[in-house]
Amino acid sequence: MDVIIKELRNDSGEISRIQEFIFSMIKDEFGHGYVPEWHQDIMKMDEYYIKPERNNFFVAYSETGEIIATIGIRAYDKDFPEFEHSYSRQTTSSIWRLFVDRRYRRCGLASKMFCIAENFANNAGYANIYLHTHKTLDGAMEFWLKMGFIVVLDTNNELQTVHMDKQIQKLDINSNSNDFKYAVKL
């Protein structure tokens, strides 16, 4: 199966489809729907991911045009007191809304989505990436550890929230060829 990964554009119809996908994934994973204090970025995707120059949102589509995965990356914008002097909007990006349709899991798509987001963060000049996840999500901790993240705070709260970060590894690749091919095949 071929997968096409695109940057989100300011297309209200497409944004609506993406919002529907994300909220169905949230319902499936967390058992609830829209929560205003947690889902502002989903409702205002243009303000959080499209308009800011150093933010982006990527969407994976199946061969038939079905949305099968998403990931957002944006400047760190949280106000957790524990991280007051650890992260800044200038140097830290943050991962949001990595969701993969259950039918397409465990075949490398989430890794590919993260690699695209990390590459974007690197090119945007960020030095590291922050994220938070939940120990209750099947495979989440293992996945993020595999992607090179370290746990910086395990809250042990009712949501089982874990805060993680990763320094972006900058690679200088010199090549005599300008012919690079990039494809995702599942």
N, C-alpha and C. Protein backbone atom coordinates (compact mmCIF):
# COMPACT_ATOMS: atom_id res chain seq x y z
N MET A 1 0.83 -1.18 0.00
CA MET A 1 0.00 0.00 0.00
C MET A 1 0.88 1.24 0.00
N ASP A 2 0.60 2.17 -0.87
CA ASP A 2 1.30 3.44 -0.90
C ASP A 2 0.60 4.42 0.03
N VAL A 3 1.39 5.21 0.73
CA VAL A 3 0.87 6.22 1.64
C VAL A 3 1.42 7.56 1.18
N ILE A 4 0.57 8.56 1.17
CA ILE A 4 0.97 9.91 0.80
C ILE A 4 0.90 10.76 2.06
N ILE A 5 2.00 11.44 2.38
CA ILE A 5 2.05 12.31 3.55
C ILE A 5 2.17 13.75 3.06
N LYS A 6 1.24 14.59 3.54
CA LYS A 6 1.20 15.98 3.10
C LYS A 6 1.17 16.92 4.30
N GLU A 7 1.64 18.15 4.05
CA GLU A 7 1.49 19.21 5.03
C GLU A 7 0.06 19.72 4.98
N LEU A 8 -0.47 20.07 6.13
CA LEU A 8 -1.81 20.63 6.20
C LEU A 8 -1.83 22.00 5.55
N ARG A 9 -2.83 22.23 4.73
CA ARG A 9 -3.05 23.53 4.08
C ARG A 9 -4.32 24.13 4.63
N ASN A 10 -4.49 25.42 4.43
CA ASN A 10 -5.67 26.12 4.94
C ASN A 10 -6.87 25.87 4.03
N ASP A 11 -7.41 24.67 4.12
CA ASP A 11 -8.56 24.23 3.33
C ASP A 11 -9.61 23.77 4.35
N SER A 12 -10.68 24.54 4.49
CA SER A 12 -11.66 24.27 5.54
C SER A 12 -12.28 22.88 5.44
N GLY A 13 -12.51 22.39 4.23
CA GLY A 13 -13.05 21.05 4.07
C GLY A 13 -12.09 19.98 4.55
N GLU A 14 -10.82 20.14 4.22
CA GLU A 14 -9.81 19.17 4.64
C GLU A 14 -9.58 19.27 6.15
N ILE A 15 -9.55 20.47 6.67
CA ILE A 15 -9.39 20.65 8.13
C ILE A 15 -10.54 19.96 8.86
N SER A 16 -11.73 20.08 8.35
CA SER A 16 -12.89 19.43 8.97
C SER A 16 -12.73 17.91 8.98
N ARG A 17 -12.25 17.35 7.88
CA ARG A 17 -12.00 15.90 7.81
C ARG A 17 -10.94 15.48 8.82
N ILE A 18 -9.89 16.27 8.96
CA ILE A 18 -8.81 15.97 9.89
C ILE A 18 -9.31 16.05 11.33
N GLN A 19 -10.09 17.07 11.63
CA GLN A 19 -10.67 17.20 12.97
C GLN A 19 -11.54 15.99 13.30
N GLU A 20 -12.33 15.57 12.35
CA GLU A 20 -13.18 14.39 12.55
C GLU A 20 -12.33 13.16 12.85
N PHE A 21 -11.25 12.97 12.09
CA PHE A 21 -10.34 11.85 12.31
C PHE A 21 -9.74 11.91 13.71
N ILE A 22 -9.20 13.08 14.09
CA ILE A 22 -8.54 13.22 15.39
C ILE A 22 -9.53 12.96 16.52
N PHE A 23 -10.72 13.54 16.44
CA PHE A 23 -11.68 13.33 17.52
C PHE A 23 -12.15 11.88 17.59
N SER A 24 -12.21 11.19 16.46
CA SER A 24 -12.56 9.76 16.52
C SER A 24 -11.44 8.97 17.18
N MET A 25 -10.19 9.36 16.93
CA MET A 25 -9.06 8.70 17.57
C MET A 25 -9.04 8.99 19.08
N ILE A 26 -9.33 10.22 19.46
CA ILE A 26 -9.38 10.58 20.88
C ILE A 26 -10.47 9.78 21.59
N LYS A 27 -11.62 9.68 20.95
CA LYS A 27 -12.72 8.91 21.53
C LYS A 27 -12.29 7.45 21.71
N ASP A 28 -11.64 6.90 20.69
CA ASP A 28 -11.20 5.51 20.73
C ASP A 28 -10.13 5.28 21.79
N GLU A 29 -9.16 6.18 21.89
CA GLU A 29 -8.03 6.00 22.81
C GLU A 29 -8.34 6.40 24.25
N PHE A 30 -9.10 7.50 24.41
CA PHE A 30 -9.29 8.06 25.74
C PHE A 30 -10.73 7.93 26.25
N GLY A 31 -11.66 7.60 25.38
CA GLY A 31 -13.04 7.41 25.79
C GLY A 31 -13.85 8.67 25.98
N HIS A 32 -13.36 9.79 25.50
CA HIS A 32 -14.13 11.03 25.62
C HIS A 32 -14.04 11.81 24.31
N GLY A 33 -14.88 12.81 24.19
CA GLY A 33 -14.88 13.67 23.02
C GLY A 33 -14.15 14.98 23.29
N TYR A 34 -14.66 16.03 22.72
CA TYR A 34 -14.07 17.35 22.81
C TYR A 34 -14.04 17.87 24.24
N VAL A 35 -12.85 18.30 24.67
CA VAL A 35 -12.67 18.93 25.98
C VAL A 35 -12.00 20.28 25.69
N PRO A 36 -12.71 21.39 25.86
CA PRO A 36 -12.20 22.70 25.46
C PRO A 36 -10.78 23.03 25.94
N GLU A 37 -10.45 22.75 27.19
CA GLU A 37 -9.13 23.12 27.69
C GLU A 37 -8.01 22.22 27.15
N TRP A 38 -8.35 21.10 26.56
CA TRP A 38 -7.33 20.20 26.01
C TRP A 38 -7.25 20.22 24.49
N HIS A 39 -8.25 20.72 23.81
CA HIS A 39 -8.33 20.53 22.36
C HIS A 39 -8.42 21.83 21.56
N GLN A 40 -7.90 22.92 22.11
CA GLN A 40 -7.91 24.20 21.39
C GLN A 40 -7.20 24.10 20.04
N ASP A 41 -6.08 23.39 20.02
CA ASP A 41 -5.31 23.29 18.78
C ASP A 41 -6.07 22.57 17.68
N ILE A 42 -6.92 21.64 18.04
CA ILE A 42 -7.69 20.91 17.03
C ILE A 42 -8.77 21.82 16.45
N MET A 43 -9.39 22.60 17.31
CA MET A 43 -10.46 23.48 16.86
C MET A 43 -9.94 24.69 16.08
N LYS A 44 -8.68 25.07 16.33
CA LYS A 44 -8.08 26.25 15.68
C LYS A 44 -6.78 25.85 14.99
N MET A 45 -6.87 24.88 14.11
CA MET A 45 -5.67 24.34 13.48
C MET A 45 -4.88 25.40 12.72
N ASP A 46 -5.59 26.34 12.10
CA ASP A 46 -4.89 27.39 11.37
C ASP A 46 -4.04 28.24 12.31
N GLU A 47 -4.53 28.56 13.49
CA GLU A 47 -3.79 29.38 14.46
C GLU A 47 -2.62 28.64 15.08
N TYR A 48 -2.76 27.34 15.25
CA TYR A 48 -1.73 26.57 15.91
C TYR A 48 -0.70 25.95 14.96
N TYR A 49 -1.13 25.58 13.76
CA TYR A 49 -0.23 24.82 12.88
C TYR A 49 0.01 25.43 11.50
N ILE A 50 -0.92 26.19 10.98
CA ILE A 50 -0.77 26.68 9.61
C ILE A 50 -0.11 28.06 9.57
N LYS A 51 -0.61 29.01 10.34
CA LYS A 51 -0.11 30.38 10.29
C LYS A 51 1.29 30.55 10.86
N PRO A 52 1.60 29.97 12.02
CA PRO A 52 2.96 30.17 12.57
C PRO A 52 4.01 29.51 11.68
N GLU A 53 5.01 30.28 11.34
CA GLU A 53 6.04 29.82 10.40
C GLU A 53 6.81 28.60 10.88
N ARG A 54 7.03 28.47 12.18
CA ARG A 54 7.84 27.37 12.70
C ARG A 54 6.99 26.22 13.22
N ASN A 55 5.72 26.18 12.84
CA ASN A 55 4.83 25.09 13.23
C ASN A 55 4.35 24.38 11.97
N ASN A 56 3.91 23.14 12.13
CA ASN A 56 3.40 22.41 10.97
C ASN A 56 2.54 21.24 11.45
N PHE A 57 1.78 20.70 10.51
CA PHE A 57 0.93 19.55 10.78
C PHE A 57 0.97 18.67 9.54
N PHE A 58 1.19 17.37 9.74
CA PHE A 58 1.32 16.43 8.63
C PHE A 58 0.20 15.39 8.70
N VAL A 59 -0.28 15.02 7.54
CA VAL A 59 -1.40 14.08 7.42
C VAL A 59 -1.02 12.98 6.44
N ALA A 60 -1.25 11.73 6.84
CA ALA A 60 -1.01 10.59 5.95
C ALA A 60 -2.33 10.12 5.39
N TYR A 61 -2.33 9.86 4.09
CA TYR A 61 -3.51 9.41 3.37
C TYR A 61 -3.25 8.05 2.73
N SER A 62 -4.26 7.22 2.73
CA SER A 62 -4.17 5.94 2.02
C SER A 62 -4.28 6.20 0.52
N GLU A 63 -4.12 5.15 -0.26
CA GLU A 63 -4.25 5.27 -1.72
C GLU A 63 -5.62 5.79 -2.13
N THR A 64 -6.63 5.54 -1.31
CA THR A 64 -7.99 5.97 -1.64
C THR A 64 -8.32 7.36 -1.09
N GLY A 65 -7.35 8.01 -0.43
CA GLY A 65 -7.57 9.35 0.10
C GLY A 65 -8.09 9.39 1.52
N GLU A 66 -8.16 8.23 2.17
CA GLU A 66 -8.61 8.17 3.55
C GLU A 66 -7.49 8.66 4.48
N ILE A 67 -7.83 9.47 5.48
CA ILE A 67 -6.85 9.91 6.46
C ILE A 67 -6.54 8.73 7.37
N ILE A 68 -5.23 8.42 7.50
CA ILE A 68 -4.85 7.26 8.31
C ILE A 68 -3.86 7.60 9.42
N ALA A 69 -3.30 8.82 9.40
CA ALA A 69 -2.38 9.21 10.46
C ALA A 69 -2.19 10.72 10.46
N THR A 70 -1.85 11.26 11.63
CA THR A 70 -1.59 12.69 11.76
C THR A 70 -0.46 12.91 12.76
N ILE A 71 0.19 14.07 12.65
CA ILE A 71 1.15 14.53 13.66
C ILE A 71 1.30 16.03 13.50
N GLY A 72 1.36 16.71 14.65
CA GLY A 72 1.59 18.14 14.65
C GLY A 72 2.88 18.46 15.37
N ILE A 73 3.54 19.53 14.93
CA ILE A 73 4.73 20.01 15.62
C ILE A 73 4.63 21.52 15.70
N ARG A 74 4.91 22.03 16.91
CA ARG A 74 4.80 23.48 17.11
C ARG A 74 5.77 23.91 18.21
N ALA A 75 5.98 25.21 18.27
CA ALA A 75 6.83 25.76 19.32
C ALA A 75 6.24 25.40 20.68
N TYR A 76 7.11 25.11 21.63
CA TYR A 76 6.66 24.78 22.99
C TYR A 76 5.86 25.96 23.52
N ASP A 77 4.62 25.67 23.96
CA ASP A 77 3.74 26.75 24.40
C ASP A 77 2.97 26.41 25.67
N LYS A 78 3.50 25.51 26.46
CA LYS A 78 2.84 25.13 27.71
C LYS A 78 3.41 25.95 28.87
N ASP A 79 2.67 25.98 29.96
CA ASP A 79 3.13 26.73 31.13
C ASP A 79 3.23 25.84 32.37
N PHE A 80 3.69 24.63 32.16
CA PHE A 80 3.89 23.73 33.29
C PHE A 80 4.96 24.34 34.21
N PRO A 81 4.65 24.56 35.49
CA PRO A 81 5.64 25.17 36.39
C PRO A 81 6.92 24.35 36.50
N GLU A 82 6.81 23.04 36.36
CA GLU A 82 7.99 22.16 36.47
C GLU A 82 9.03 22.45 35.38
N PHE A 83 8.60 23.04 34.27
CA PHE A 83 9.50 23.24 33.13
C PHE A 83 9.75 24.72 32.83
N GLU A 84 9.49 25.57 33.82
CA GLU A 84 9.58 27.02 33.62
C GLU A 84 10.91 27.47 33.01
N HIS A 85 12.01 26.88 33.44
CA HIS A 85 13.32 27.30 32.94
C HIS A 85 13.97 26.24 32.05
N SER A 86 13.22 25.22 31.68
CA SER A 86 13.78 24.14 30.87
C SER A 86 13.56 24.31 29.38
N TYR A 87 12.41 24.86 29.01
CA TYR A 87 12.04 24.93 27.59
C TYR A 87 11.66 26.36 27.21
N SER A 88 11.89 26.70 25.96
CA SER A 88 11.47 28.00 25.45
C SER A 88 10.90 27.83 24.04
N ARG A 89 10.09 28.78 23.64
CA ARG A 89 9.50 28.77 22.29
C ARG A 89 10.57 28.84 21.21
N GLN A 90 11.69 29.44 21.52
CA GLN A 90 12.74 29.62 20.51
C GLN A 90 13.52 28.33 20.26
N THR A 91 13.75 27.54 21.31
CA THR A 91 14.62 26.37 21.15
C THR A 91 13.90 25.03 21.21
N THR A 92 12.65 25.04 21.71
CA THR A 92 11.96 23.77 21.92
C THR A 92 10.69 23.67 21.08
N SER A 93 10.59 22.60 20.34
CA SER A 93 9.36 22.28 19.62
C SER A 93 8.60 21.25 20.45
N SER A 94 7.36 21.02 20.10
CA SER A 94 6.59 20.00 20.82
C SER A 94 5.73 19.21 19.85
N ILE A 95 5.63 17.93 20.13
CA ILE A 95 4.84 17.01 19.30
C ILE A 95 3.41 16.97 19.82
N TRP A 96 2.47 16.98 18.89
CA TRP A 96 1.05 16.91 19.22
C TRP A 96 0.33 16.02 18.22
N ARG A 97 -0.68 15.33 18.69
CA ARG A 97 -1.68 14.65 17.87
C ARG A 97 -1.12 13.59 16.93
N LEU A 98 -0.14 12.81 17.42
CA LEU A 98 0.30 11.66 16.63
C LEU A 98 -0.74 10.56 16.84
N PHE A 99 -1.51 10.34 15.81
CA PHE A 99 -2.51 9.28 15.81
C PHE A 99 -2.36 8.46 14.55
N VAL A 100 -2.47 7.15 14.68
CA VAL A 100 -2.45 6.25 13.53
C VAL A 100 -3.67 5.35 13.64
N ASP A 101 -4.43 5.28 12.57
CA ASP A 101 -5.58 4.38 12.49
C ASP A 101 -5.13 2.98 12.88
N ARG A 102 -5.92 2.30 13.70
CA ARG A 102 -5.55 0.96 14.20
C ARG A 102 -5.18 -0.01 13.08
N ARG A 103 -5.81 0.10 11.94
CA ARG A 103 -5.54 -0.83 10.83
C ARG A 103 -4.15 -0.65 10.24
N TYR A 104 -3.48 0.48 10.56
CA TYR A 104 -2.18 0.77 9.97
C TYR A 104 -1.06 0.85 11.00
N ARG A 105 -1.31 0.34 12.18
CA ARG A 105 -0.29 0.37 13.24
C ARG A 105 0.69 -0.77 13.10
N ARG A 106 1.83 -0.56 13.69
CA ARG A 106 2.92 -1.54 13.77
C ARG A 106 3.48 -1.93 12.40
N CYS A 107 3.50 -0.93 11.53
CA CYS A 107 4.12 -1.17 10.21
C CYS A 107 5.08 -0.04 9.84
N GLY A 108 5.43 0.81 10.82
CA GLY A 108 6.41 1.86 10.58
C GLY A 108 5.84 3.23 10.25
N LEU A 109 4.52 3.35 10.15
CA LEU A 109 3.94 4.64 9.77
C LEU A 109 4.14 5.69 10.86
N ALA A 110 3.95 5.37 12.11
CA ALA A 110 4.16 6.35 13.19
C ALA A 110 5.62 6.81 13.21
N SER A 111 6.54 5.90 13.01
CA SER A 111 7.96 6.27 12.97
C SER A 111 8.23 7.22 11.82
N LYS A 112 7.65 6.94 10.68
CA LYS A 112 7.84 7.80 9.52
C LYS A 112 7.25 9.19 9.77
N MET A 113 6.06 9.23 10.37
CA MET A 113 5.43 10.52 10.68
C MET A 113 6.30 11.32 11.64
N PHE A 114 6.83 10.64 12.68
CA PHE A 114 7.69 11.36 13.61
C PHE A 114 8.96 11.85 12.93
N CYS A 115 9.56 11.03 12.09
CA CYS A 115 10.79 11.45 11.40
C CYS A 115 10.56 12.70 10.54
N ILE A 116 9.42 12.77 9.91
CA ILE A 116 9.09 13.96 9.11
C ILE A 116 8.96 15.18 10.01
N ALA A 117 8.28 15.02 11.14
CA ALA A 117 8.12 16.13 12.08
C ALA A 117 9.47 16.55 12.67
N GLU A 118 10.29 15.58 13.04
CA GLU A 118 11.61 15.90 13.60
C GLU A 118 12.47 16.62 12.57
N ASN A 119 12.42 16.19 11.33
CA ASN A 119 13.17 16.85 10.27
C ASN A 119 12.70 18.30 10.11
N PHE A 120 11.38 18.51 10.16
CA PHE A 120 10.84 19.86 10.08
C PHE A 120 11.37 20.70 11.24
N ALA A 121 11.34 20.16 12.47
CA ALA A 121 11.82 20.88 13.65
C ALA A 121 13.29 21.25 13.50
N ASN A 122 14.08 20.33 13.00
CA ASN A 122 15.49 20.58 12.78
C ASN A 122 15.67 21.73 11.79
N ASN A 123 14.97 21.67 10.67
CA ASN A 123 15.07 22.72 9.65
C ASN A 123 14.54 24.06 10.13
N ALA A 124 13.62 24.04 11.09
CA ALA A 124 13.05 25.27 11.64
C ALA A 124 13.95 25.88 12.73
N GLY A 125 15.03 25.19 13.08
CA GLY A 125 16.00 25.73 14.01
C GLY A 125 15.78 25.38 15.47
N TYR A 126 14.90 24.43 15.75
CA TYR A 126 14.71 23.99 17.13
C TYR A 126 15.87 23.10 17.56
N ALA A 127 16.19 23.11 18.86
CA ALA A 127 17.27 22.28 19.39
C ALA A 127 16.75 20.99 20.00
N ASN A 128 15.50 21.01 20.49
CA ASN A 128 14.95 19.80 21.09
C ASN A 128 13.44 19.72 20.89
N ILE A 129 12.90 18.57 21.30
CA ILE A 129 11.47 18.30 21.14
C ILE A 129 10.93 17.81 22.48
N TYR A 130 9.81 18.38 22.86
CA TYR A 130 9.09 17.99 24.07
C TYR A 130 7.81 17.28 23.67
N LEU A 131 7.35 16.37 24.52
CA LEU A 131 6.01 15.79 24.35
C LEU A 131 5.55 15.25 25.69
N HIS A 132 4.27 15.06 25.79
CA HIS A 132 3.77 14.30 26.93
C HIS A 132 2.86 13.21 26.38
N THR A 133 2.87 12.10 27.08
CA THR A 133 2.06 10.96 26.69
C THR A 133 1.49 10.34 27.97
N HIS A 134 0.83 9.23 27.79
CA HIS A 134 0.18 8.58 28.93
C HIS A 134 0.58 7.11 28.96
N LYS A 135 0.94 6.62 30.14
CA LYS A 135 1.35 5.22 30.29
C LYS A 135 0.20 4.27 29.97
N THR A 136 -1.02 4.75 29.99
CA THR A 136 -2.18 3.90 29.71
C THR A 136 -2.37 3.63 28.22
N LEU A 137 -1.69 4.38 27.36
CA LEU A 137 -1.83 4.18 25.92
C LEU A 137 -0.97 3.01 25.47
N ASP A 138 -1.58 2.06 24.82
CA ASP A 138 -0.91 0.85 24.38
C ASP A 138 0.29 1.17 23.47
N GLY A 139 1.48 0.85 23.93
CA GLY A 139 2.69 0.99 23.13
C GLY A 139 3.28 2.38 23.09
N ALA A 140 2.65 3.38 23.69
CA ALA A 140 3.13 4.76 23.57
C ALA A 140 4.52 4.95 24.18
N MET A 141 4.71 4.52 25.40
CA MET A 141 6.01 4.71 26.06
C MET A 141 7.12 4.01 25.29
N GLU A 142 6.87 2.80 24.90
CA GLU A 142 7.88 2.04 24.15
C GLU A 142 8.22 2.74 22.84
N PHE A 143 7.20 3.24 22.17
CA PHE A 143 7.43 3.93 20.89
C PHE A 143 8.32 5.15 21.09
N TRP A 144 7.97 6.02 22.04
CA TRP A 144 8.72 7.26 22.21
C TRP A 144 10.14 6.99 22.70
N LEU A 145 10.31 5.99 23.54
CA LEU A 145 11.66 5.63 23.95
C LEU A 145 12.47 5.15 22.75
N LYS A 146 11.86 4.37 21.89
CA LYS A 146 12.51 3.89 20.66
C LYS A 146 12.90 5.06 19.75
N MET A 147 12.12 6.14 19.78
CA MET A 147 12.40 7.31 18.96
C MET A 147 13.49 8.21 19.57
N GLY A 148 14.01 7.81 20.74
CA GLY A 148 15.12 8.53 21.35
C GLY A 148 14.73 9.50 22.45
N PHE A 149 13.48 9.48 22.88
CA PHE A 149 13.04 10.37 23.95
C PHE A 149 13.43 9.79 25.31
N ILE A 150 13.61 10.68 26.28
CA ILE A 150 13.85 10.26 27.65
C ILE A 150 12.75 10.83 28.54
N VAL A 151 12.44 10.15 29.61
CA VAL A 151 11.43 10.61 30.56
C VAL A 151 12.07 11.69 31.43
N VAL A 152 11.43 12.87 31.47
CA VAL A 152 11.91 13.93 32.34
C VAL A 152 11.03 14.11 33.56
N LEU A 153 9.78 13.64 33.49
CA LEU A 153 8.89 13.69 34.65
C LEU A 153 7.76 12.68 34.47
N ASP A 154 7.64 11.79 35.42
CA ASP A 154 6.52 10.86 35.47
C ASP A 154 5.61 11.36 36.59
N THR A 155 4.45 11.88 36.23
CA THR A 155 3.59 12.55 37.21
C THR A 155 2.87 11.58 38.14
N ASN A 156 2.69 10.34 37.68
CA ASN A 156 1.91 9.36 38.43
C ASN A 156 0.53 9.91 38.80
N ASN A 157 0.00 10.79 37.95
CA ASN A 157 -1.34 11.34 38.22
C ASN A 157 -2.42 10.40 37.68
N GLU A 158 -3.67 10.81 37.81
CA GLU A 158 -4.78 9.95 37.39
C GLU A 158 -4.77 9.66 35.89
N LEU A 159 -4.19 10.56 35.09
CA LEU A 159 -4.10 10.33 33.65
C LEU A 159 -2.84 9.55 33.26
N GLN A 160 -1.96 9.27 34.26
CA GLN A 160 -0.70 8.56 34.01
C GLN A 160 0.16 9.31 32.99
N THR A 161 0.21 10.64 33.13
CA THR A 161 0.96 11.50 32.22
C THR A 161 2.46 11.40 32.46
N VAL A 162 3.19 11.29 31.36
CA VAL A 162 4.65 11.25 31.39
C VAL A 162 5.15 12.33 30.43
N HIS A 163 6.07 13.16 30.93
CA HIS A 163 6.68 14.21 30.12
C HIS A 163 8.03 13.69 29.62
N MET A 164 8.31 13.95 28.35
CA MET A 164 9.52 13.42 27.72
C MET A 164 10.15 14.49 26.85
N ASP A 165 11.44 14.35 26.59
CA ASP A 165 12.06 15.22 25.60
C ASP A 165 13.22 14.51 24.90
N LYS A 166 13.69 15.19 23.87
CA LYS A 166 14.75 14.63 23.03
C LYS A 166 15.52 15.78 22.40
N GLN A 167 16.84 15.67 22.41
CA GLN A 167 17.64 16.62 21.66
C GLN A 167 17.62 16.21 20.20
N ILE A 168 17.44 17.17 19.33
CA ILE A 168 17.45 16.88 17.89
C ILE A 168 18.89 16.64 17.47
N GLN A 169 19.10 15.52 16.82
CA GLN A 169 20.41 15.20 16.31
C GLN A 169 20.56 15.81 14.92
N LYS A 170 21.43 16.77 14.81
CA LYS A 170 21.63 17.43 13.52
C LYS A 170 22.65 16.64 12.71
N LEU A 171 22.29 16.36 11.49
CA LEU A 171 23.18 15.62 10.61
C LEU A 171 23.55 16.49 9.42
N ASP A 172 24.81 16.55 9.12
CA ASP A 172 25.27 17.21 7.90
C ASP A 172 25.52 16.11 6.89
N ILE A 173 24.72 16.09 5.84
CA ILE A 173 24.86 15.07 4.81
C ILE A 173 25.38 15.73 3.55
N ASN A 174 26.55 15.31 3.14
CA ASN A 174 27.13 15.83 1.90
C ASN A 174 27.02 14.73 0.86
N SER A 175 26.56 15.12 -0.28
CA SER A 175 26.41 14.15 -1.35
C SER A 175 26.73 14.82 -2.67
N ASN A 176 27.28 14.06 -3.57
CA ASN A 176 27.54 14.57 -4.91
C ASN A 176 26.30 14.52 -5.76
N SER A 177 25.30 13.82 -5.28
CA SER A 177 24.07 13.65 -6.05
C SER A 177 22.98 14.54 -5.49
N ASN A 178 22.17 15.10 -6.37
CA ASN A 178 21.00 15.86 -5.94
C ASN A 178 19.74 15.04 -6.11
N ASP A 179 19.89 13.75 -6.33
CA ASP A 179 18.76 12.87 -6.60
C ASP A 179 18.46 12.06 -5.35
N PHE A 180 17.50 12.51 -4.57
CA PHE A 180 17.08 11.80 -3.40
C PHE A 180 15.63 11.37 -3.58
N LYS A 181 15.34 10.17 -3.28
CA LYS A 181 13.97 9.66 -3.40
C LYS A 181 13.44 9.38 -2.01
N TYR A 182 12.16 9.72 -1.82
CA TYR A 182 11.54 9.54 -0.51
C TYR A 182 10.16 8.97 -0.75
N ALA A 183 9.91 7.83 -0.17
CA ALA A 183 8.61 7.20 -0.37
C ALA A 183 8.25 6.40 0.87
N VAL A 184 6.97 6.23 1.05
CA VAL A 184 6.47 5.39 2.13
C VAL A 184 5.68 4.28 1.48
N LYS A 185 6.05 3.06 1.74
CA LYS A 185 5.31 1.93 1.19
C LYS A 185 4.99 1.00 2.34
N LEU A 186 3.71 0.72 2.52
CA LEU A 186 3.29 -0.17 3.60
C LEU A 186 2.74 -1.45 3.03
